[in-house]
């Protein structure tokens, strides 16, 4: 597949760009170079290569979800500048 000026113009319209003629020509050449590189990669023999699922062999070490060092509600609200019986009060941020 070769990239022509018609395809570049269509991409320009879809991306809402306004390109000069030099920029269009540069993009056309760059896209053609990318396609050539992909075609070269398709020539590689990958029959004996297993698909890569993960970069490394490590797995996540999960810990138990335990509550530790919990602060009592009254202690947490003790120094709050504005509060009610259960919650911190903060200024409204959305207008």
Protein backbone atom coordinates (compact mmCIF):
# COMPACT_ATOMS: atom_id res chain seq x y z
CA UNK A 1 0.00 0.00 0.00
CA UNK A 2 1.32 3.39 -0.92
CA UNK A 3 0.22 6.65 0.65
CA UNK A 4 -0.88 9.18 -1.95
CA UNK A 5 -1.95 12.82 -1.75
CA UNK A 6 -5.63 11.87 -1.63
CA UNK A 7 -5.13 9.82 1.54
CA UNK A 8 -3.01 12.56 3.12
CA UNK A 9 -5.75 15.11 2.36
CA UNK A 10 -8.35 12.83 3.91
CA UNK A 11 -6.21 12.34 7.03
CA UNK A 12 -5.66 16.09 7.20
CA UNK A 13 -9.43 16.64 7.14
CA UNK A 14 -10.11 13.94 9.76
CA UNK A 15 -7.43 15.37 12.08
CA UNK A 16 -8.74 18.90 11.52
CA UNK A 17 -5.32 20.09 10.35
CA UNK A 18 -4.39 22.76 7.86
CA UNK A 19 -1.11 21.75 6.23
CA UNK A 20 0.99 23.45 3.62
CA UNK A 21 1.98 21.60 0.45
CA UNK A 22 5.49 20.99 1.85
CA UNK A 23 4.05 19.56 5.08
CA UNK A 24 1.70 17.28 3.13
CA UNK A 25 4.60 15.97 1.06
CA UNK A 26 6.70 15.41 4.19
CA UNK A 27 3.89 13.49 5.90
CA UNK A 28 3.32 11.41 2.76
CA UNK A 29 7.01 10.45 2.68
CA UNK A 30 7.08 9.69 6.42
CA UNK A 31 3.98 7.48 6.23
CA UNK A 32 5.41 5.60 3.24
CA UNK A 33 8.66 5.05 5.17
CA UNK A 34 6.70 3.66 8.11
CA UNK A 35 4.79 1.27 5.84
CA UNK A 36 8.06 0.09 4.25
CA UNK A 37 9.49 -0.62 7.70
CA UNK A 38 6.40 -2.64 8.65
CA UNK A 39 6.66 -4.61 5.40
CA UNK A 40 10.30 -5.43 6.21
CA UNK A 41 9.26 -6.67 9.64
CA UNK A 42 6.62 -8.90 8.03
CA UNK A 43 9.41 -10.64 6.10
CA UNK A 44 10.91 -12.01 9.32
CA UNK A 45 10.37 -15.68 10.07
CA UNK A 46 8.62 -15.84 13.43
CA UNK A 47 7.39 -19.43 13.29
CA UNK A 48 9.45 -20.61 16.28
CA UNK A 49 8.97 -17.46 18.36
CA UNK A 50 6.45 -17.62 21.18
CA UNK A 51 4.24 -14.55 21.66
CA UNK A 52 5.40 -12.23 24.41
CA UNK A 53 2.75 -11.93 27.07
CA UNK A 54 4.78 -10.25 29.82
CA UNK A 55 8.09 -8.45 29.72
CA UNK A 56 9.48 -10.36 32.70
CA UNK A 57 8.66 -13.51 34.59
CA UNK A 58 7.87 -11.80 37.90
CA UNK A 59 4.37 -11.87 39.27
CA UNK A 60 2.66 -9.50 41.66
CA UNK A 61 2.99 -10.26 45.32
CA UNK A 62 -0.35 -9.45 46.85
CA UNK A 63 -0.71 -8.63 50.51
CA UNK A 64 -3.74 -9.10 52.66
CA UNK A 65 -5.97 -6.05 52.84
CA UNK A 66 -5.84 -5.38 56.55
CA UNK A 67 -6.74 -2.22 58.40
CA UNK A 68 -3.72 -0.98 60.35
CA UNK A 69 -3.15 2.12 62.44
CA UNK A 70 -6.77 3.20 62.16
CA UNK A 71 -7.55 6.58 63.73
CA UNK A 72 -10.76 6.93 65.69
CA UNK A 73 -13.30 9.28 64.07
CA UNK A 74 -13.40 11.67 67.02
CA UNK A 75 -9.59 11.89 67.05
CA UNK A 76 -9.50 12.51 63.31
CA UNK A 77 -12.10 15.29 63.51
CA UNK A 78 -10.63 16.88 66.64
CA UNK A 79 -8.39 19.39 64.80
CA UNK A 80 -10.56 19.88 61.72
CA UNK A 81 -11.31 23.56 61.07
CA UNK A 82 -14.87 22.82 59.91
CA UNK A 83 -16.78 19.62 60.64
CA UNK A 84 -20.05 18.09 61.74
CA UNK A 85 -20.49 14.95 63.87
CA UNK A 86 -19.21 12.57 61.19
CA UNK A 87 -17.49 14.40 58.32
CA UNK A 88 -14.93 17.03 57.39
CA UNK A 89 -16.50 20.07 55.73
CA UNK A 90 -14.61 21.57 52.80
CA UNK A 91 -15.31 24.53 50.51
CA UNK A 92 -17.35 23.85 47.40
CA UNK A 93 -14.96 23.46 44.41
CA UNK A 94 -17.41 23.13 41.50
CA UNK A 95 -19.44 26.12 40.40
